[in-house]
Protein backbone atom coordinates (compact mmCIF):
# COMPACT_ATOMS: atom_id res chain seq x y z
CA MET A 1 -19.87 -15.16 -31.86
CA LEU A 2 -18.46 -14.94 -28.36
CA LYS A 3 -15.03 -15.83 -29.70
CA GLY A 4 -15.34 -13.01 -32.21
CA ILE A 5 -16.19 -10.56 -29.45
CA ALA A 6 -13.25 -11.79 -27.36
CA ARG A 7 -10.88 -11.20 -30.30
CA HIS A 8 -11.94 -7.56 -30.43
CA ARG A 9 -11.40 -6.88 -26.74
CA PRO A 10 -8.77 -4.20 -26.03
CA ASP A 11 -5.35 -5.63 -25.23
CA GLY A 12 -1.80 -4.47 -24.54
CA MET A 13 -1.27 -0.96 -23.23
CA THR A 14 -4.88 -0.02 -23.99
CA ALA A 15 -6.15 -2.87 -21.80
CA PHE A 16 -3.79 -1.81 -19.03
CA LEU A 17 -5.10 1.77 -19.16
CA ILE A 18 -8.74 0.60 -19.01
CA ILE A 19 -8.02 -1.57 -15.96
CA TRP A 20 -6.04 1.30 -14.45
CA ILE A 21 -8.99 3.68 -14.83
CA GLY A 22 -11.35 1.15 -13.21
CA GLN A 23 -8.95 0.63 -10.31
CA PHE A 24 -8.54 4.37 -9.89
CA VAL A 25 -12.31 4.85 -9.53
CA SER A 26 -12.51 1.93 -7.09
CA LEU A 27 -9.58 3.24 -5.03
CA LEU A 28 -11.31 6.61 -4.78
CA GLY A 29 -14.46 5.03 -3.38
CA THR A 30 -12.50 2.89 -0.93
CA ALA A 31 -10.44 5.86 0.27
CA MET A 32 -13.60 7.91 0.92
CA THR A 33 -15.12 5.07 2.94
CA ARG A 34 -11.88 4.65 4.90
CA PHE A 35 -11.76 8.39 5.68
CA ALA A 36 -15.38 8.42 6.87
CA LEU A 37 -14.96 5.31 9.02
CA THR A 38 -11.68 6.60 10.50
CA ILE A 39 -13.50 9.68 11.79
CA TRP A 40 -16.36 7.54 13.10
CA ALA A 41 -14.09 5.03 14.85
CA PHE A 42 -11.95 7.68 16.57
CA GLN A 43 -15.02 9.59 17.73
CA GLU A 44 -16.43 6.35 19.14
CA THR A 45 -13.33 5.37 21.14
CA GLY A 46 -10.83 8.27 21.17
CA GLN A 47 -7.93 5.78 21.06
CA ALA A 48 -5.08 5.28 18.58
CA THR A 49 -5.19 1.55 19.34
CA THR A 50 -8.58 1.28 17.65
CA LEU A 51 -7.29 2.70 14.37
CA ALA A 52 -4.14 0.58 14.64
CA LEU A 53 -6.24 -2.58 14.99
CA VAL A 54 -8.40 -1.61 12.01
CA GLY A 55 -5.19 -1.24 10.01
CA PHE A 56 -3.85 -4.56 11.30
CA PHE A 57 -6.94 -6.61 10.43
CA SER A 58 -7.16 -4.91 7.03
CA PHE A 59 -3.58 -5.82 6.20
CA ALA A 60 -2.40 -8.98 7.99
CA PRO A 61 -4.61 -11.50 6.10
CA THR A 62 -3.16 -10.26 2.80
CA LEU A 63 0.26 -11.38 3.97
CA ILE A 64 -0.92 -14.66 5.51
CA PHE A 65 -2.64 -15.79 2.31
CA SER A 66 -0.06 -14.38 -0.10
CA PRO A 67 1.94 -17.60 -0.76
CA LEU A 68 -1.23 -19.59 -1.52
CA ALA A 69 -2.64 -16.73 -3.60
CA GLY A 70 0.56 -16.47 -5.63
CA ALA A 71 0.49 -20.17 -6.50
CA LEU A 72 -3.18 -20.00 -7.51
CA VAL A 73 -2.60 -16.88 -9.60
CA ASP A 74 0.05 -18.72 -11.65
CA ARG A 75 -2.25 -21.75 -11.97
CA TRP A 76 -5.54 -20.01 -12.70
CA ASN A 77 -6.80 -17.21 -14.92
CA ARG A 78 -5.34 -13.91 -13.73
CA LYS A 79 -8.34 -11.98 -14.99
CA LEU A 80 -10.63 -14.08 -12.80
CA MET A 81 -8.40 -13.49 -9.78
CA MET A 82 -8.64 -9.70 -10.16
CA ILE A 83 -12.42 -9.87 -10.49
CA LEU A 84 -12.85 -12.05 -7.38
CA SER A 85 -10.68 -9.67 -5.36
CA ASP A 86 -12.79 -6.64 -6.36
CA LEU A 87 -16.06 -8.49 -5.70
CA ALA A 88 -14.94 -9.48 -2.19
CA ALA A 89 -13.98 -5.90 -1.35
CA GLY A 90 -17.35 -4.66 -2.62
CA LEU A 91 -19.20 -7.29 -0.56
CA SER A 92 -17.28 -6.24 2.56
CA THR A 93 -18.30 -2.61 2.12
CA GLY A 94 -21.88 -3.66 1.37
CA VAL A 95 -22.15 -5.53 4.68
CA LEU A 96 -20.80 -2.53 6.61
CA LEU A 97 -23.31 -0.32 4.83
CA LEU A 98 -26.17 -2.62 5.85
CA LEU A 99 -25.01 -2.67 9.48
CA TYR A 100 -24.67 1.10 9.57
CA ALA A 101 -28.06 1.68 7.96
CA THR A 102 -29.74 -0.53 10.57
CA GLY A 103 -27.89 1.11 13.48
CA ARG A 104 -25.93 -2.03 14.34
CA LEU A 105 -22.41 -1.08 13.26
CA GLU A 106 -19.76 -1.66 15.95
CA ILE A 107 -15.98 -1.32 16.02
CA TRP A 108 -15.38 -5.08 15.81
CA HIS A 109 -17.34 -5.19 12.55
CA LEU A 110 -14.59 -3.08 10.98
CA TYR A 111 -12.02 -5.68 12.04
CA VAL A 112 -13.97 -8.59 10.52
CA ALA A 113 -14.87 -6.79 7.29
CA GLY A 114 -11.30 -5.59 6.86
CA ALA A 115 -9.92 -9.10 7.37
CA PHE A 116 -12.35 -10.60 4.84
CA ALA A 117 -11.51 -8.06 2.13
CA SER A 118 -7.80 -8.33 2.93
CA ALA A 119 -7.78 -12.11 2.42
CA PHE A 120 -9.08 -11.70 -1.13
CA GLU A 121 -6.83 -8.71 -1.75
CA SER A 122 -3.89 -11.12 -1.52
CA PHE A 123 -4.85 -12.21 -5.07
CA GLN A 124 -5.05 -8.68 -6.49
CA PHE A 125 -1.41 -7.63 -6.23
CA PRO A 126 0.27 -10.72 -7.78
CA ALA A 127 -2.45 -11.08 -10.44
CA PHE A 128 -2.39 -7.45 -11.58
CA SER A 129 1.40 -7.15 -11.36
CA ALA A 130 2.00 -10.34 -13.34
CA ALA A 131 -0.62 -9.43 -15.96
CA MET A 132 0.90 -5.96 -16.35
CA SER A 133 4.28 -7.53 -17.13
CA LEU A 134 2.76 -9.01 -20.30
CA MET A 135 0.47 -6.12 -21.27
CA VAL A 136 3.14 -3.41 -21.03
CA PRO A 137 6.51 -3.38 -22.90
CA LYS A 138 9.51 -3.75 -20.61
CA SER A 139 10.76 -0.30 -21.61
CA GLN A 140 7.51 1.15 -20.20
CA TYR A 141 7.50 -0.66 -16.83
CA GLY A 142 8.67 2.45 -14.98
CA ARG A 143 6.01 4.66 -16.57
CA ALA A 144 3.23 2.12 -16.04
CA ASN A 145 4.15 1.77 -12.38
CA GLY A 146 4.24 5.55 -12.19
CA LEU A 147 0.61 5.57 -13.35
CA VAL A 148 -0.28 3.03 -10.65
CA SER A 149 1.30 5.30 -8.03
CA LEU A 150 -0.46 8.25 -9.63
CA ALA A 151 -3.85 6.61 -9.06
CA ASP A 152 -3.03 5.93 -5.41
CA SER A 153 -1.94 9.52 -4.87
CA ALA A 154 -4.82 11.13 -6.74
CA THR A 155 -7.32 9.26 -4.56
CA THR A 156 -5.46 10.42 -1.46
CA ILE A 157 -5.94 14.02 -2.62
CA ALA A 158 -9.55 13.78 -3.70
CA ALA A 159 -10.96 11.33 -1.15
CA PRO A 160 -10.79 13.53 2.00
CA VAL A 161 -12.27 16.52 0.18
CA LEU A 162 -15.04 14.54 -1.53
CA ALA A 163 -15.76 12.48 1.59
CA GLY A 164 -15.93 15.65 3.70
CA MET A 165 -18.51 17.17 1.35
CA LEU A 166 -20.47 13.94 0.96
CA LEU A 167 -20.60 13.33 4.72
CA VAL A 168 -22.52 16.60 5.07
CA VAL A 169 -24.91 15.78 2.22
CA VAL A 170 -25.46 12.00 2.33
CA GLY A 171 -23.68 10.85 5.49
CA ILE A 172 -21.51 7.78 6.03
CA GLY A 173 -24.13 5.52 4.47
CA GLY A 174 -24.12 7.50 1.24
CA VAL A 175 -20.32 7.39 1.05
CA MET A 176 -20.30 3.61 1.44
CA MET A 177 -23.06 3.21 -1.15
CA LEU A 178 -20.98 5.16 -3.65
CA ASP A 179 -18.03 2.89 -2.82
CA VAL A 180 -20.06 -0.19 -3.77
CA VAL A 181 -20.82 1.42 -7.16
CA THR A 182 -17.11 2.01 -7.79
CA PHE A 183 -16.38 -1.70 -7.26
CA VAL A 184 -18.89 -2.50 -10.02
CA ILE A 185 -17.00 -0.12 -12.33
CA ALA A 186 -13.68 -1.80 -11.50
CA VAL A 187 -15.02 -5.28 -12.23
CA THR A 188 -16.56 -4.11 -15.50
CA ALA A 189 -13.23 -2.63 -16.61
CA VAL A 190 -11.50 -5.99 -16.14
CA LEU A 191 -14.31 -7.88 -17.88
CA VAL A 192 -14.15 -5.89 -21.12
CA VAL A 193 -10.40 -6.27 -21.80
CA ALA A 194 -8.11 -9.13 -22.78
CA VAL A 195 -5.72 -10.18 -20.00
CA PRO A 196 -2.93 -12.43 -21.38
CA GLN A 197 -1.73 -15.64 -19.78
CA PRO A 198 2.06 -16.25 -19.81
CA LYS A 199 3.92 -18.89 -21.79
CA ARG A 200 5.69 -21.59 -19.83
CA SER A 201 9.39 -20.95 -19.19
CA LEU A 202 12.10 -23.29 -17.91
CA GLU A 203 11.69 -21.74 -14.47
CA GLY A 204 7.94 -22.32 -14.62
CA ALA A 205 8.40 -25.96 -15.61
CA ALA A 206 10.86 -26.52 -12.77
CA ALA A 207 8.47 -24.92 -10.30
CA ALA A 208 5.47 -27.08 -11.26
CA GLY A 209 4.17 -29.54 -8.69
CA GLY A 210 1.67 -29.79 -5.87
CA LEU A 211 0.00 -26.68 -4.46
CA TRP A 212 2.19 -26.76 -1.34
CA LYS A 213 5.38 -26.95 -3.42
CA GLU A 214 4.23 -24.13 -5.68
CA SER A 215 3.24 -21.99 -2.68
CA LEU A 216 6.78 -22.26 -1.32
CA TYR A 217 8.50 -21.85 -4.68
CA GLY A 218 8.54 -18.05 -4.52
CA PHE A 219 10.51 -18.13 -1.28
CA ARG A 220 13.04 -20.61 -2.68
CA TYR A 221 13.43 -18.47 -5.79
CA ILE A 222 14.20 -15.36 -3.75
CA VAL A 223 16.50 -17.06 -1.24
CA GLU A 224 18.58 -18.45 -4.12
CA ARG A 225 19.10 -14.90 -5.44
CA LYS A 226 20.77 -13.02 -2.61
CA SER A 227 20.46 -9.64 -4.29
CA LEU A 228 16.67 -9.90 -4.55
CA LEU A 229 16.47 -11.22 -0.99
CA GLY A 230 18.56 -8.29 0.22
CA VAL A 231 16.31 -5.77 -1.53
CA GLN A 232 13.24 -7.21 0.15
CA LEU A 233 14.89 -7.28 3.56
CA THR A 234 15.49 -3.53 3.27
CA PHE A 235 11.71 -3.25 2.80
CA THR A 236 11.21 -5.40 5.90
CA ILE A 237 13.23 -2.95 7.97
CA SER A 238 11.66 0.11 6.44
CA ASN A 239 8.07 -1.11 6.60
CA PHE A 240 8.31 -2.00 10.28
CA PHE A 241 9.19 1.52 11.32
CA TYR A 242 7.01 3.12 8.64
CA SER A 243 3.91 1.23 9.81
CA ILE A 244 4.47 2.50 13.36
CA GLY A 245 4.64 6.09 12.16
CA ILE A 246 1.98 6.12 9.44
CA ILE A 247 -0.73 4.49 11.58
CA LEU A 248 -0.37 7.25 14.20
CA ILE A 249 -0.60 10.27 11.89
CA ALA A 250 -4.42 10.47 11.84
CA PRO A 251 -4.93 10.02 15.61
CA MET A 252 -2.05 12.42 16.37
CA ILE A 253 -3.58 15.17 14.23
CA LEU A 254 -7.08 14.55 15.59
CA ALA A 255 -5.74 14.61 19.18
CA ARG A 256 -3.72 17.80 18.63
CA THR A 257 -6.57 19.66 16.90
CA GLY A 258 -9.58 18.60 18.94
CA ASN A 259 -10.90 16.21 16.26
CA ASN A 260 -10.68 18.81 13.50
CA GLU A 261 -11.75 16.90 10.39
CA LEU A 262 -10.82 19.76 8.05
CA ILE A 263 -7.18 19.80 9.19
CA LEU A 264 -6.92 16.01 8.93
CA GLY A 265 -8.41 16.15 5.45
CA THR A 266 -5.97 18.90 4.45
CA VAL A 267 -2.97 16.86 5.58
CA GLN A 268 -4.24 13.71 3.90
CA SER A 269 -4.77 15.67 0.70
CA ALA A 270 -1.18 16.90 0.95
CA LEU A 271 -0.10 13.26 1.11
CA GLY A 272 -1.91 12.71 -2.13
CA VAL A 273 -0.48 15.83 -3.80
CA GLY A 274 3.04 14.66 -2.98
CA GLY A 275 2.36 11.21 -4.38
CA LEU A 276 0.65 12.72 -7.42
CA VAL A 277 3.64 14.91 -8.25
CA GLY A 278 6.03 12.02 -7.63
CA GLY A 279 3.91 9.73 -9.80
CA LEU A 280 3.78 12.30 -12.62
CA VAL A 281 7.56 12.68 -12.50
CA LEU A 282 8.06 8.91 -12.57
CA ALA A 283 5.50 8.40 -15.35
CA ALA A 284 7.16 11.08 -17.50
CA TRP A 285 10.75 10.11 -16.69
CA GLY A 286 10.51 6.34 -16.25
CA GLY A 287 12.77 6.31 -13.20
CA PRO A 288 16.54 5.88 -12.80
CA GLN A 289 18.30 3.40 -15.07
CA ARG A 290 19.72 1.75 -11.95
CA ARG A 291 16.36 1.07 -10.33
CA ILE A 292 17.82 0.36 -6.91
CA HIS A 293 18.66 4.06 -6.54
CA GLY A 294 14.95 4.90 -6.75
CA VAL A 295 14.31 2.45 -3.92
CA LEU A 296 17.11 3.34 -1.49
CA LEU A 297 17.14 7.11 -1.99
CA GLY A 298 13.36 7.03 -1.75
CA PHE A 299 13.58 5.31 1.64
CA ILE A 300 15.96 7.92 2.99
CA GLY A 301 14.02 10.90 1.65
CA SER A 302 10.57 9.68 2.66
CA ARG A 303 11.49 8.71 6.20
CA LEU A 304 13.76 11.66 6.98
CA LEU A 305 12.04 14.57 5.22
CA GLY A 306 8.54 13.15 5.55
CA LEU A 307 7.85 11.01 8.60
CA THR A 308 10.37 12.67 10.91
CA LEU A 309 9.20 16.17 9.99
CA MET A 310 5.58 15.07 10.48
CA GLY A 311 6.22 14.20 14.11
CA LEU A 312 8.17 17.40 14.77
CA GLY A 313 5.41 19.60 13.30
CA GLN A 314 2.66 21.19 15.38
CA SER A 315 0.78 23.11 12.70
CA VAL A 316 -1.19 22.28 9.59
CA VAL A 317 1.47 23.96 7.41
CA VAL A 318 4.35 21.81 8.68
CA TRP A 319 2.22 18.66 8.66
CA SER A 320 1.19 19.35 5.07
CA VAL A 321 4.77 19.93 3.90
CA ALA A 322 5.90 16.74 5.63
CA ALA A 323 2.99 14.81 4.12
CA PHE A 324 3.87 16.07 0.64
CA LEU A 325 7.51 15.04 0.96
CA MET A 326 6.71 11.67 2.49
CA PHE A 327 4.48 10.59 -0.38
CA PHE A 328 6.51 12.33 -3.11
CA PHE A 329 9.15 9.62 -2.74
CA SER A 330 6.68 6.71 -2.55
CA PRO A 331 6.21 6.28 -6.35
CA PHE A 332 9.99 6.08 -6.79
CA ILE A 333 10.29 3.45 -4.05
CA ASN A 334 7.45 1.22 -5.18
CA GLY A 335 7.64 1.90 -8.92
CA SER A 336 11.39 1.30 -9.14
CA ASN A 337 11.11 -1.87 -7.07
CA GLN A 338 8.20 -3.18 -9.14
CA ALA A 339 10.01 -2.48 -12.42
CA LEU A 340 13.10 -4.24 -11.06
CA TRP A 341 11.21 -7.43 -10.25
CA GLN A 342 9.17 -7.39 -13.46
CA ALA A 343 12.41 -7.26 -15.44
CA LYS A 344 14.21 -9.99 -13.48
CA VAL A 345 11.47 -12.63 -12.95
CA SER A 346 9.88 -14.77 -15.69
CA PRO A 347 6.19 -13.86 -16.16
CA ASP A 348 4.84 -17.38 -15.61
CA VAL A 349 6.25 -17.54 -12.05
CA GLN A 350 5.66 -13.91 -11.11
CA GLY A 351 2.48 -14.73 -9.19
CA ARG A 352 4.34 -16.97 -6.74
CA VAL A 353 7.50 -14.88 -6.59
CA PHE A 354 5.66 -11.57 -6.18
CA ALA A 355 3.47 -13.02 -3.43
CA ALA A 356 6.53 -14.27 -1.54
CA ARG A 357 8.27 -10.97 -2.16
CA ARG A 358 5.33 -9.08 -0.69
CA LEU A 359 5.25 -11.29 2.40
CA ILE A 360 8.97 -10.84 3.06
CA ALA A 361 8.75 -7.07 2.58
CA GLN A 362 5.60 -6.43 4.58
CA VAL A 363 5.49 -9.11 7.26
CA SER A 364 6.88 -6.58 9.72
CA GLY A 365 4.09 -4.09 9.00
CA PRO A 366 1.32 -5.71 11.07
CA LEU A 367 3.75 -6.09 13.98
CA GLY A 368 4.50 -2.37 13.83
CA MET A 369 0.77 -1.58 13.80
CA LEU A 370 0.16 -3.76 16.86
CA ILE A 371 3.01 -2.11 18.74
CA ALA A 372 2.18 1.48 17.79
CA GLY A 373 -1.26 1.87 19.39
CA PRO A 374 -0.56 0.44 22.87
CA LEU A 375 2.90 2.05 23.02
CA ALA A 376 1.35 5.44 22.30
CA ASP A 377 -1.83 5.08 24.41
CA GLN A 378 -0.38 3.27 27.43
CA PHE A 379 3.13 4.73 27.70
CA LEU A 380 4.12 7.75 25.62
CA GLU A 381 0.89 9.75 25.79
CA PRO A 382 0.66 9.54 29.61
CA ALA A 383 4.42 10.14 29.94
CA MET A 384 4.35 13.30 27.82
CA GLN A 385 1.32 14.69 29.65
CA GLY A 386 2.41 13.65 33.13
CA ASP A 387 5.06 14.91 35.52
CA VAL A 388 7.80 12.43 34.56
CA TRP A 389 11.35 12.83 33.26
CA LEU A 390 10.48 11.95 29.66
CA GLY A 391 7.84 14.64 29.41
CA ALA A 392 10.15 17.23 30.97
CA LEU A 393 12.98 16.30 28.59
CA LEU A 394 10.97 16.28 25.34
CA ALA A 395 8.23 18.83 26.04
CA PRO A 396 10.27 21.75 24.63
CA ILE A 397 10.31 19.94 21.27
CA PHE A 398 6.94 18.18 21.18
CA GLY A 399 4.80 20.01 23.74
CA ASN A 400 2.88 18.18 26.45
CA GLY A 401 -0.70 18.19 25.23
CA PRO A 402 -2.72 15.38 23.67
CA GLY A 403 -0.90 13.85 20.71
CA ALA A 404 2.61 14.71 21.95
CA GLY A 405 3.42 11.11 22.82
CA MET A 406 2.33 9.93 19.39
CA ALA A 407 4.53 12.64 17.82
CA VAL A 408 7.57 11.33 19.70
CA LEU A 409 6.95 7.83 18.37
CA ILE A 410 6.47 9.10 14.80
CA VAL A 411 9.84 10.90 14.89
CA ALA A 412 11.60 7.84 16.30
CA ALA A 413 10.04 5.68 13.56
CA GLY A 414 11.15 8.12 10.87
CA LEU A 415 14.77 8.29 12.02
CA LEU A 416 15.03 4.53 12.42
CA GLY A 417 13.42 4.03 9.01
CA VAL A 418 16.30 5.88 7.34
CA THR A 419 18.52 2.93 8.24
CA SER A 420 16.88 0.78 5.57
CA GLY A 421 18.31 2.94 2.79
CA LEU A 422 21.71 3.22 4.44
CA VAL A 423 21.95 -0.54 4.96
CA GLY A 424 21.08 -1.10 1.31
CA TYR A 425 23.89 1.14 0.09
CA ALA A 426 26.35 -0.52 2.47
CA ILE A 427 25.82 -3.99 0.94
CA ARG A 428 27.12 -4.57 -2.61
CA ALA A 429 24.65 -7.36 -3.44
CA ILE A 430 21.83 -4.86 -2.90
CA ARG A 431 23.22 -1.64 -4.37
CA GLU A 432 24.32 -3.45 -7.57
CA VAL A 433 21.29 -5.72 -8.02
CA ASP A 434 20.55 -4.17 -11.44
CA VAL A 435 23.80 -5.47 -12.92
CA LEU A 436 24.44 -8.58 -10.83
CA LEU A 437 21.22 -10.31 -11.96
CA PRO A 438 20.28 -10.70 -15.65
CA ASP A 439 16.81 -9.80 -16.94
CA HIS A 440 14.52 -12.79 -17.45
CA ASP A 441 14.41 -12.29 -21.23
CA ALA A 442 18.22 -12.35 -21.36
CA SER A 443 18.21 -15.99 -20.17
CA PRO A 444 17.35 -19.06 -22.31
CA VAL A 445 13.61 -19.87 -22.28
C-alpha cells in the first residue's frame, strides 16, 4: 500500500512547485525572526560588530561543511537531506525561543544557534539544486531559478512589515513561534512529493571512492574546467566586497535614524520589491541565452547602482531606490549562474560540484563580514565624527554624524565590487563559458 501511495506522489514540475511553496513559507518565517532579532541585538549593544558576527556565525559553517555535505548529498537520498536541513533550522529557532521566553537570551546564543543551523544548511543548497535539475526540464532552468529568487525577494518585502506588526501584538517570542510552524510546513511539503535520484554517469563512476576523495572531487572538477573556475572566482571577488557593504546597511540606517525601525523596515522591503520585480522578469523571460551576461552585467549593476548609491544616500527615499536596484539584479546573477551550472554538470555529481562551487564563490564572504564591523566601529565611525583629515575631506559627501563612517565603507565596497564584472568580461574563458563548455547531456553518458 505504501508503494502505491508513493507512486501517486506529485513529481516533476508539480513537485518542484510544492517544495518551492513550502520553502517560501519557511523563508518568510526565518526572515521575520531575523528582522526581530536584528533590532533586539542592535538595541542591546549599539555596535555594527555584533550584527557582523551574527552574520559570520550564521554563514561560515555552511562553507566549512560544504565539501562533505556535497559528497553525502550525492551518496544519500536528496529528499532526506532537505528534510534534515529544515529540521535543524527549526530546532535552532526553537531553542532561541525557549531562551527568550525564560529571560535568558544573550548575544552569544545567536552566534551558537546561527552556527548550528548553518552547518545543516550546507546540505540544503546542493540537495535542492541537484534535485531541481532532474525535476525541471533544462529549457525551464532559468524560469525555475527565477521562482527561487522570487521567493527570496517576496519574503524580504513581507517580512519587515509582518514582523513589525507582529512585534507589537505578540512580541519577539510570538514571531519565533510562528517561524517554528513554518519549518513544519516546509518539511511537510518535501515529504509529500517524489524527489528523483540521478542515474550514474561516466563522470559519477569516475568520481566514486572514499568519502574524502568524493569530498574533494568537486574542486578537481572545477579546476579542470578553467571557464567554470573563472566564473566562480568572479563571485569570490564580488562576494568579498558585497559582504562588507550588505552587513553594514542595517546598522548604518539605524545609526542615522536614531534606531527608527519603520525606516529600516521600509528599506528592507524595497530590497524585496527589487528582487521580486527582477525575479518576475527572469521567471517570465528565462534569462539571456548567453547566461554569463546575466551574471557579469548583474554584478556591475547591483554594485554600482545599488550598493554605491546606498552609501551615498542620507534619506529613506534614496536608500529605498538603491535597495530596489541592488536586489533587482540579484535574480539575474544567481539565476543565470545556477542555470549555467545545471546545464554543464551531470546531475549525479552536482551535489559535490555545487558544494565546491559554493565554497569557492563565498569563502571570501565571512572574511568581509569580520572586517566590516571592526573597521567601521573602531576606525571609520570615530574618524568621520572626529576632528581628523578624513572626516574633513569626506564630510561634505557623507556628513559627520553617526553612521557616516559605515556609509563610506559601503560606497568603497560597492565601487570595488564592480571590478568583478569588469574582470569577467576582460577574460575570454569567462565571457564565453556558454560556448566553450558543452552541456552535460551533449556528452556521452
